Amino acid sequence: MATYVMDLSQYVGEELYIVLSDEVIDGGWAHAFFDEVVTYYETAPDYAGMADTVMDGHTAEETPAEIQIPWQLAVNLK
C-alpha cells in the first residue's frame, strides 16, 4: 500500500475519471483498491518529502515496528 500523487491541474474544469486496474505480477494477479481520493489541495503537497507511517511485524511473536512508506508520483500508463 502506498499514497500516489498526480498533478492534474491542467485539467481544472474538465470531467475526469479515475480507473484502477490489476496487472500481472510474477504470474499472479495483484489487487487494486483504494480508500481515499483527495481531489483538491489549496497548495500542492510536496510529495517527495511526504510518507505514511504504518506498523509492520504485527504477530504474537513480534513487536510491531513503525515503517515509513514514501508518497510516490503516479504515472498514467495509457
N, C-alpha and C. Protein backbone atom coordinates (compact mmCIF):
# COMPACT_ATOMS: atom_id res chain seq x y z
N MET A 1 0.84 -1.17 0.00
CA MET A 1 0.00 0.00 0.00
C MET A 1 0.89 1.24 0.00
N ALA A 2 0.41 2.24 -0.69
CA ALA A 2 1.18 3.48 -0.76
C ALA A 2 0.25 4.62 -1.16
N THR A 3 0.71 5.83 -0.94
CA THR A 3 -0.01 7.02 -1.39
C THR A 3 0.60 7.47 -2.70
N TYR A 4 -0.25 7.64 -3.69
CA TYR A 4 0.20 8.11 -5.01
C TYR A 4 -0.35 9.50 -5.26
N VAL A 5 0.43 10.34 -5.91
CA VAL A 5 0.08 11.73 -6.16
C VAL A 5 0.14 12.00 -7.66
N MET A 6 -0.86 12.73 -8.18
CA MET A 6 -0.84 13.18 -9.57
C MET A 6 -1.18 14.65 -9.61
N ASP A 7 -0.48 15.41 -10.42
CA ASP A 7 -0.81 16.82 -10.64
C ASP A 7 -1.72 16.90 -11.85
N LEU A 8 -2.99 17.11 -11.61
CA LEU A 8 -3.98 17.20 -12.68
C LEU A 8 -4.46 18.63 -12.89
N SER A 9 -3.66 19.60 -12.46
CA SER A 9 -4.08 21.00 -12.53
C SER A 9 -4.36 21.45 -13.96
N GLN A 10 -3.75 20.83 -14.95
CA GLN A 10 -4.00 21.23 -16.33
C GLN A 10 -5.41 20.85 -16.79
N TYR A 11 -6.12 20.05 -15.98
CA TYR A 11 -7.47 19.62 -16.35
C TYR A 11 -8.57 20.30 -15.54
N VAL A 12 -8.24 21.35 -14.79
CA VAL A 12 -9.24 22.05 -13.98
C VAL A 12 -10.41 22.45 -14.87
N GLY A 13 -11.62 22.13 -14.39
CA GLY A 13 -12.84 22.46 -15.12
C GLY A 13 -13.33 21.35 -16.04
N GLU A 14 -12.50 20.32 -16.24
CA GLU A 14 -12.89 19.20 -17.08
C GLU A 14 -13.39 18.04 -16.22
N GLU A 15 -14.17 17.15 -16.81
CA GLU A 15 -14.63 15.96 -16.11
C GLU A 15 -13.60 14.86 -16.30
N LEU A 16 -13.11 14.29 -15.19
CA LEU A 16 -12.10 13.25 -15.24
C LEU A 16 -12.62 11.97 -14.60
N TYR A 17 -12.06 10.85 -14.98
CA TYR A 17 -12.40 9.55 -14.41
C TYR A 17 -11.14 8.91 -13.84
N ILE A 18 -11.28 8.27 -12.71
CA ILE A 18 -10.18 7.53 -12.12
C ILE A 18 -10.43 6.05 -12.40
N VAL A 19 -9.46 5.40 -13.02
CA VAL A 19 -9.59 3.98 -13.36
C VAL A 19 -8.47 3.22 -12.68
N LEU A 20 -8.82 2.22 -11.89
CA LEU A 20 -7.84 1.33 -11.28
C LEU A 20 -7.90 0.00 -12.00
N SER A 21 -6.74 -0.60 -12.25
CA SER A 21 -6.75 -1.91 -12.90
C SER A 21 -5.62 -2.77 -12.34
N ASP A 22 -5.84 -4.07 -12.36
CA ASP A 22 -4.82 -5.03 -11.93
C ASP A 22 -3.85 -5.26 -13.07
N GLU A 23 -2.67 -5.68 -12.74
CA GLU A 23 -1.72 -6.13 -13.75
C GLU A 23 -1.01 -7.36 -13.21
N VAL A 24 -0.58 -8.24 -14.08
CA VAL A 24 0.07 -9.47 -13.67
C VAL A 24 1.39 -9.16 -12.98
N ILE A 25 1.61 -9.76 -11.82
CA ILE A 25 2.85 -9.60 -11.07
C ILE A 25 3.36 -10.99 -10.74
N ASP A 26 4.50 -11.38 -11.29
CA ASP A 26 5.10 -12.70 -11.03
C ASP A 26 4.12 -13.85 -11.26
N GLY A 27 3.36 -13.79 -12.34
CA GLY A 27 2.47 -14.89 -12.70
C GLY A 27 1.13 -14.89 -11.99
N GLY A 28 0.89 -13.99 -11.07
CA GLY A 28 -0.40 -13.91 -10.37
C GLY A 28 -1.02 -12.55 -10.58
N TRP A 29 -2.15 -12.33 -9.97
CA TRP A 29 -2.83 -11.05 -10.11
C TRP A 29 -2.68 -10.25 -8.84
N ALA A 30 -2.48 -8.97 -9.00
CA ALA A 30 -2.44 -8.05 -7.86
C ALA A 30 -3.88 -7.68 -7.51
N HIS A 31 -4.07 -6.97 -6.45
CA HIS A 31 -5.39 -6.50 -6.06
C HIS A 31 -5.35 -4.98 -6.00
N ALA A 32 -6.14 -4.35 -6.84
CA ALA A 32 -6.20 -2.89 -6.86
C ALA A 32 -7.33 -2.44 -5.94
N PHE A 33 -7.03 -1.54 -5.02
CA PHE A 33 -8.04 -0.98 -4.14
C PHE A 33 -7.55 0.37 -3.65
N PHE A 34 -8.49 1.18 -3.17
CA PHE A 34 -8.12 2.45 -2.57
C PHE A 34 -9.17 2.83 -1.56
N ASP A 35 -8.79 3.67 -0.63
CA ASP A 35 -9.74 4.07 0.40
C ASP A 35 -9.91 5.58 0.52
N GLU A 36 -9.17 6.34 -0.27
CA GLU A 36 -9.32 7.80 -0.21
C GLU A 36 -8.84 8.42 -1.51
N VAL A 37 -9.62 9.36 -2.01
CA VAL A 37 -9.21 10.13 -3.18
C VAL A 37 -9.36 11.60 -2.81
N VAL A 38 -8.26 12.32 -2.77
CA VAL A 38 -8.28 13.74 -2.49
C VAL A 38 -8.20 14.45 -3.84
N THR A 39 -9.19 15.26 -4.14
CA THR A 39 -9.24 15.88 -5.46
C THR A 39 -8.82 17.34 -5.46
N TYR A 40 -8.52 17.89 -4.28
CA TYR A 40 -8.13 19.30 -4.25
C TYR A 40 -7.25 19.58 -3.04
N TYR A 41 -6.16 20.24 -3.29
CA TYR A 41 -5.31 20.78 -2.24
C TYR A 41 -5.19 22.27 -2.50
N GLU A 42 -5.31 23.08 -1.46
CA GLU A 42 -5.12 24.52 -1.60
C GLU A 42 -3.74 24.82 -2.17
N THR A 43 -2.74 24.13 -1.63
CA THR A 43 -1.37 24.21 -2.11
C THR A 43 -0.91 22.79 -2.43
N ALA A 44 -0.26 22.61 -3.56
CA ALA A 44 0.19 21.27 -3.94
C ALA A 44 1.11 20.70 -2.88
N PRO A 45 0.88 19.44 -2.46
CA PRO A 45 1.76 18.85 -1.45
C PRO A 45 3.14 18.54 -2.02
N ASP A 46 4.14 18.62 -1.17
CA ASP A 46 5.50 18.25 -1.56
C ASP A 46 5.61 16.74 -1.38
N TYR A 47 5.12 15.99 -2.39
CA TYR A 47 5.03 14.54 -2.23
C TYR A 47 6.40 13.90 -1.99
N ALA A 48 7.46 14.49 -2.51
CA ALA A 48 8.80 13.92 -2.33
C ALA A 48 9.22 13.89 -0.86
N GLY A 49 8.66 14.79 -0.06
CA GLY A 49 9.01 14.84 1.35
C GLY A 49 7.96 14.22 2.26
N MET A 50 6.93 13.58 1.68
CA MET A 50 5.84 13.03 2.46
C MET A 50 5.97 11.51 2.58
N ALA A 51 5.46 10.94 3.68
CA ALA A 51 5.46 9.50 3.88
C ALA A 51 4.32 9.14 4.81
N ASP A 52 3.81 7.93 4.65
CA ASP A 52 2.80 7.39 5.55
C ASP A 52 3.50 6.49 6.55
N THR A 53 3.11 6.57 7.82
CA THR A 53 3.68 5.72 8.86
C THR A 53 2.73 4.57 9.12
N VAL A 54 3.23 3.35 9.02
CA VAL A 54 2.42 2.15 9.26
C VAL A 54 3.15 1.23 10.22
N MET A 55 2.42 0.29 10.79
CA MET A 55 3.02 -0.68 11.70
C MET A 55 3.32 -1.96 10.93
N ASP A 56 4.47 -2.55 11.18
CA ASP A 56 4.90 -3.77 10.49
C ASP A 56 5.26 -4.82 11.53
N GLY A 57 5.17 -6.09 11.16
CA GLY A 57 5.57 -7.17 12.06
C GLY A 57 4.60 -7.40 13.19
N HIS A 58 3.32 -7.31 12.91
CA HIS A 58 2.32 -7.44 13.96
C HIS A 58 1.85 -8.89 14.08
N THR A 59 2.63 -9.71 14.76
CA THR A 59 2.24 -11.07 15.09
C THR A 59 2.43 -11.25 16.59
N ALA A 60 1.95 -12.36 17.10
CA ALA A 60 2.07 -12.60 18.54
C ALA A 60 3.53 -12.65 18.99
N GLU A 61 4.42 -13.11 18.11
CA GLU A 61 5.83 -13.25 18.48
C GLU A 61 6.64 -11.99 18.23
N GLU A 62 6.11 -11.05 17.49
CA GLU A 62 6.89 -9.88 17.10
C GLU A 62 6.34 -8.61 17.74
N THR A 63 7.22 -7.69 17.99
CA THR A 63 6.81 -6.37 18.43
C THR A 63 6.62 -5.51 17.19
N PRO A 64 5.46 -4.88 17.04
CA PRO A 64 5.25 -4.05 15.85
C PRO A 64 6.30 -2.93 15.76
N ALA A 65 6.71 -2.65 14.55
CA ALA A 65 7.67 -1.58 14.31
C ALA A 65 7.07 -0.60 13.31
N GLU A 66 7.34 0.67 13.50
CA GLU A 66 6.86 1.69 12.56
C GLU A 66 7.76 1.68 11.33
N ILE A 67 7.15 1.73 10.15
CA ILE A 67 7.91 1.90 8.92
C ILE A 67 7.31 3.06 8.15
N GLN A 68 8.13 3.70 7.35
CA GLN A 68 7.70 4.83 6.54
C GLN A 68 7.55 4.40 5.09
N ILE A 69 6.41 4.69 4.49
CA ILE A 69 6.19 4.40 3.08
C ILE A 69 6.09 5.75 2.36
N PRO A 70 7.10 6.09 1.55
CA PRO A 70 7.10 7.39 0.88
C PRO A 70 5.97 7.53 -0.13
N TRP A 71 5.45 8.75 -0.26
CA TRP A 71 4.48 9.03 -1.32
C TRP A 71 5.19 8.89 -2.66
N GLN A 72 4.43 8.50 -3.68
CA GLN A 72 5.01 8.28 -5.00
C GLN A 72 4.25 9.06 -6.06
N LEU A 73 4.95 9.46 -7.09
CA LEU A 73 4.31 10.13 -8.21
C LEU A 73 3.66 9.07 -9.09
N ALA A 74 2.35 9.16 -9.28
CA ALA A 74 1.61 8.20 -10.11
C ALA A 74 1.88 8.47 -11.58
N VAL A 75 1.87 7.41 -12.35
CA VAL A 75 2.12 7.52 -13.79
C VAL A 75 0.93 6.95 -14.53
N ASN A 76 0.42 7.70 -15.49
CA ASN A 76 -0.67 7.22 -16.33
C ASN A 76 -0.07 6.31 -17.40
N LEU A 77 -0.43 5.04 -17.37
CA LEU A 77 0.18 4.06 -18.26
C LEU A 77 -0.48 3.98 -19.61
N LYS A 78 -1.57 4.69 -19.82
CA LYS A 78 -2.26 4.61 -21.12
C LYS A 78 -1.68 5.57 -22.11
